[in-house]
Protein backbone atom coordinates (compact mmCIF):
# COMPACT_ATOMS: atom_id res chain seq x y z
CA MET A 1 133.01 101.33 65.20
CA THR A 2 129.20 101.25 65.27
CA LYS A 3 127.63 100.41 61.92
CA THR A 4 125.02 102.89 60.78
CA THR A 5 122.22 103.03 58.24
CA HIS A 6 119.82 105.69 57.03
CA PHE A 7 116.57 106.55 58.77
CA GLY A 8 115.25 109.06 56.31
CA TYR A 9 118.08 111.56 56.02
CA GLN A 10 119.51 110.69 59.44
CA GLU A 11 122.28 108.18 60.07
CA VAL A 12 121.40 105.89 62.97
CA PRO A 13 122.90 102.69 64.42
CA VAL A 14 121.77 99.66 62.39
CA ASP A 15 120.10 98.00 65.36
CA GLU A 16 118.13 101.18 66.06
CA LYS A 17 116.41 101.57 62.69
CA THR A 18 113.86 98.79 63.19
CA TYR A 19 112.80 100.32 66.48
CA ARG A 20 112.45 103.78 64.93
CA VAL A 21 110.42 102.48 61.99
CA ARG A 22 108.17 100.62 64.41
CA GLU A 23 107.58 103.83 66.35
CA VAL A 24 106.63 105.67 63.15
CA PHE A 25 103.99 103.13 62.24
CA ASN A 26 102.72 102.79 65.79
CA SER A 27 102.09 106.51 65.61
CA VAL A 28 100.30 106.54 62.24
CA ALA A 29 98.44 103.20 62.38
CA ARG A 30 94.98 104.50 63.25
CA ARG A 31 95.08 107.23 60.60
CA TYR A 32 97.04 105.25 58.03
CA ASP A 33 94.24 104.58 55.53
CA LEU A 34 92.84 108.09 55.72
CA MET A 35 96.29 109.57 55.19
CA ASN A 36 96.94 107.28 52.22
CA ASP A 37 93.78 108.56 50.55
CA LEU A 38 94.66 112.18 51.24
CA MET A 39 98.35 111.92 50.31
CA SER A 40 97.74 110.19 46.99
CA ALA A 41 94.30 111.65 46.17
CA GLY A 42 93.09 108.04 46.21
CA LEU A 43 95.62 106.92 43.60
CA HIS A 44 97.10 104.31 45.97
CA ARG A 45 93.98 102.21 45.36
CA LEU A 46 94.63 102.22 41.61
CA TRP A 47 98.32 101.38 42.13
CA LYS A 48 97.36 98.39 44.29
CA ARG A 49 94.77 97.24 41.77
CA VAL A 50 97.34 97.29 38.97
CA ALA A 51 99.81 95.42 41.19
CA VAL A 52 97.37 92.63 41.95
CA GLU A 53 96.37 92.31 38.30
CA THR A 54 100.08 92.02 37.43
CA LEU A 55 100.39 89.02 39.76
CA ALA A 56 97.96 86.82 37.79
CA ILE A 57 96.52 85.23 40.95
CA ARG A 58 94.72 81.94 40.35
CA PRO A 59 92.19 80.18 42.60
CA GLY A 60 93.82 78.06 45.28
CA MET A 61 97.11 79.95 45.41
CA GLN A 62 99.05 80.49 48.64
CA ALA A 63 100.34 84.04 49.07
CA LEU A 64 102.34 86.08 51.55
CA ASP A 65 101.81 89.83 51.75
CA LEU A 66 104.66 91.50 53.65
CA ALA A 67 104.34 94.94 55.23
CA ALA A 68 100.67 94.07 54.95
CA GLY A 69 99.57 96.94 57.13
CA THR A 70 95.81 97.34 57.02
CA GLY A 71 95.44 94.70 54.34
CA ASP A 72 94.48 96.36 51.06
CA LEU A 73 96.73 94.19 48.89
CA ALA A 74 95.95 91.03 50.86
CA ARG A 75 92.22 91.62 50.50
CA ALA A 76 92.44 91.85 46.72
CA ILE A 77 94.72 88.81 46.51
CA ALA A 78 92.40 86.75 48.71
CA GLN A 79 89.43 87.59 46.51
CA ARG A 80 91.24 86.14 43.52
CA ALA A 81 92.71 83.14 45.35
CA GLY A 82 89.20 82.15 46.42
CA SER A 83 88.00 79.80 49.12
CA GLN A 84 90.70 77.21 48.39
CA GLY A 85 93.50 79.76 48.58
CA HIS A 86 95.22 81.26 51.58
CA VAL A 87 96.87 84.63 52.24
CA VAL A 88 99.22 85.36 55.13
CA LEU A 89 99.44 89.00 56.19
CA GLY A 90 102.91 89.63 57.57
CA ASP A 91 104.15 92.81 59.20
CA ILE A 92 106.84 93.64 61.74
CA ASN A 93 104.52 96.17 63.38
CA ASP A 94 101.89 94.76 65.72
CA GLN A 95 99.80 97.96 65.72
CA MET A 96 99.43 97.90 61.95
CA LEU A 97 98.47 94.22 62.02
CA ARG A 98 95.94 94.88 64.78
CA VAL A 99 94.29 97.72 62.88
CA GLY A 100 94.17 95.63 59.72
CA ARG A 101 92.73 92.58 61.45
CA ASP A 102 90.08 94.70 63.15
CA ARG A 103 89.02 95.94 59.72
CA PHE A 104 88.66 92.40 58.41
CA ILE A 105 86.68 91.38 61.50
CA ASP A 106 84.36 94.36 61.05
CA GLU A 107 83.82 93.38 57.42
CA GLY A 108 83.31 89.71 58.29
CA HIS A 109 86.13 88.65 55.94
CA LEU A 110 88.39 86.21 57.76
CA GLU A 111 88.18 83.05 55.64
CA GLY A 112 91.46 82.08 54.00
CA LEU A 113 93.47 84.68 55.92
CA SER A 114 96.01 84.53 58.72
CA TRP A 115 98.28 87.08 60.38
CA CYS A 116 101.93 86.82 61.33
CA GLN A 117 104.12 89.39 63.06
CA CYS A 118 107.44 88.82 61.34
CA ASP A 119 110.59 90.48 60.06
CA ALA A 120 110.95 90.46 56.27
CA GLU A 121 114.67 89.84 56.72
CA SER A 122 114.09 86.52 58.50
CA LEU A 123 110.80 84.91 57.53
CA PRO A 124 109.37 82.08 59.70
CA PHE A 125 108.25 79.98 56.73
CA PRO A 126 109.78 76.95 55.01
CA ASP A 127 111.44 77.02 51.63
CA ALA A 128 109.23 76.94 48.52
CA TYR A 129 106.01 77.56 50.45
CA PHE A 130 104.17 80.34 48.59
CA ASP A 131 103.00 80.88 45.02
CA ARG A 132 103.20 84.66 45.38
CA VAL A 133 105.02 87.02 47.75
CA THR A 134 104.28 90.74 47.76
CA ILE A 135 105.47 93.78 49.65
CA GLY A 136 103.63 97.05 49.16
CA PHE A 137 105.17 100.35 50.24
CA GLY A 138 107.30 98.59 52.81
CA LEU A 139 110.65 97.62 51.33
CA ARG A 140 112.05 101.12 51.76
CA ASN A 141 111.64 100.73 55.54
CA VAL A 142 113.65 97.49 55.69
CA THR A 143 117.17 97.89 57.03
CA HIS A 144 118.81 95.13 54.96
CA LYS A 145 116.86 95.07 51.72
CA GLU A 146 119.12 92.41 50.20
CA SER A 147 118.19 90.02 53.03
CA ALA A 148 114.49 90.67 52.57
CA LEU A 149 114.68 90.04 48.82
CA ALA A 150 116.61 86.81 49.39
CA GLU A 151 114.00 85.69 51.92
CA MET A 152 111.16 86.49 49.51
CA ASN A 153 112.89 84.36 46.89
CA ARG A 154 113.55 81.54 49.37
CA VAL A 155 109.93 81.08 50.42
CA LEU A 156 108.63 81.12 46.85
CA LYS A 157 107.85 77.90 45.03
CA PRO A 158 109.74 77.34 41.76
CA GLY A 159 107.94 79.44 39.17
CA GLY A 160 106.37 81.58 41.90
CA ARG A 161 106.47 85.34 41.58
CA ALA A 162 107.54 88.16 43.85
CA LEU A 163 106.13 91.67 43.52
CA ILE A 164 107.35 94.93 45.04
CA LEU A 165 105.06 97.95 44.90
CA GLU A 166 106.96 101.00 46.07
CA PHE A 167 107.42 104.72 45.70
CA SER A 168 110.28 105.28 43.30
CA HIS A 169 112.04 107.97 41.29
CA PRO A 170 110.19 110.18 38.77
CA THR A 171 111.66 109.99 35.30
CA ASP A 172 110.84 113.59 34.30
CA ALA A 173 112.78 116.49 35.82
CA THR A 174 109.77 118.80 36.04
CA LEU A 175 107.67 116.12 37.68
CA LYS A 176 110.49 115.42 40.14
CA THR A 177 110.63 119.08 41.14
CA LEU A 178 106.87 119.25 41.73
CA TYR A 179 106.92 115.92 43.57
CA ASP A 180 109.71 117.10 45.88
CA LEU A 181 107.82 120.30 46.61
CA TYR A 182 104.69 118.34 47.48
CA SER A 183 106.55 115.73 49.54
CA PHE A 184 108.44 118.14 51.76
CA THR A 185 105.74 120.78 52.23
CA VAL A 186 102.22 119.38 51.78
CA LEU A 187 102.88 115.86 53.09
CA PRO A 188 104.30 116.80 56.53
CA THR A 189 101.58 119.46 56.90
CA LEU A 190 98.88 116.86 56.25
CA GLY A 191 100.55 114.63 58.81
CA GLN A 192 100.41 117.41 61.38
CA VAL A 193 96.79 118.37 60.69
CA ILE A 194 95.28 114.91 60.26
CA ALA A 195 97.45 112.67 62.42
CA ASN A 196 99.08 115.24 64.72
CA ASP A 197 102.41 113.81 63.62
CA ARG A 198 104.59 115.89 61.32
CA SER A 199 107.84 114.06 61.95
CA SER A 200 106.59 110.62 60.86
CA TYR A 201 105.46 111.96 57.51
CA GLN A 202 108.68 113.91 57.11
CA TYR A 203 110.44 110.56 57.57
CA LEU A 204 108.20 108.90 54.99
CA ALA A 205 109.10 111.58 52.44
CA GLU A 206 112.80 111.19 53.19
CA SER A 207 112.67 107.37 53.11
CA ILE A 208 111.31 107.49 49.56
CA ARG A 209 114.33 109.54 48.42
CA LYS A 210 116.74 107.05 50.02
CA HIS A 211 115.10 104.05 48.33
CA PRO A 212 117.00 102.52 45.36
CA ASP A 213 115.93 103.68 41.93
CA GLN A 214 114.15 101.38 39.50
CA GLU A 215 117.19 99.91 37.77
CA THR A 216 119.11 99.42 41.01
CA LEU A 217 116.23 97.59 42.67
CA MET A 218 115.83 95.35 39.64
CA GLU A 219 119.52 94.45 39.86
CA MET A 220 119.14 93.73 43.58
CA MET A 221 116.30 91.30 42.84
CA THR A 222 118.47 89.49 40.30
CA THR A 223 121.31 89.29 42.82
CA ALA A 224 118.85 87.81 45.34
CA GLY A 225 118.29 84.89 42.95
CA MET A 226 115.20 85.95 41.03
CA SER A 227 114.92 85.65 37.28
CA ASP A 228 112.94 87.55 34.64
CA CYS A 229 113.10 90.68 36.80
CA ARG A 230 111.36 93.72 35.38
CA TYR A 231 109.45 96.81 36.38
CA ILE A 232 106.75 99.18 35.19
CA ASN A 233 106.45 102.83 36.18
CA LEU A 234 103.17 104.36 37.30
CA ASN A 235 102.48 108.09 37.26
CA GLY A 236 105.80 108.91 35.69
CA GLY A 237 107.87 106.82 38.07
CA ILE A 238 106.43 108.20 41.31
CA VAL A 239 105.52 104.56 41.92
CA ALA A 240 107.03 101.43 40.37
CA ILE A 241 105.97 97.80 40.33
CA HIS A 242 108.88 95.33 40.25
CA THR A 243 108.39 91.63 39.62
CA GLY A 244 110.68 88.62 39.66
CA THR A 245 110.29 84.86 39.33
CA LYS A 246 111.72 82.04 41.44
CA SER A 247 113.86 79.89 39.15
């Protein structure tokens, strides 16, 4: 019997999900930043700023940013790590990495950065290599989240910290109703008008609903070997920041 997993609200063969996710982000790559600003009314920039401040980056640190996309988190981390630090931008999607790298080239900001096309479930880095590992708005697209969390923990140095910034589950019933209405009406319409791609943004809305809630994700991080796992909600739980420490 073929094993299946969710792709939004669809059930697809496990080995097909990665391909489908790649196709989604190939489609949206060029309009990704514009759509983020429109979808969140610019709030995604604040969420990322809070996430980076939570990490307590120090000069000289080595960091890995998974699902790095166009590099917003990595840019802020690199600024704090300074000239002696290094940030690797990892993403399974080559189009997203290409768009992000082009942005850095245009800005003239390449020092202390490198790019790696990689799968979060099987990272090509040695044990205990990074001081910080982050994944922003990407874990929900990973097929085997437990494997990705275990890999994040593996490549962290003892005492290093992992951070997951992700859409989550609103804690207020009224807010949840309004959020659902926005997600399944406004969001796909924006995708159609701005990116000529309704289906990808329908998937993004569905993938958020299939993502584990705050408490479940925190338990998954603990199971993956992290200690001192905790989370904070932003905007009533629409977004959550989870952190854990390598023992």
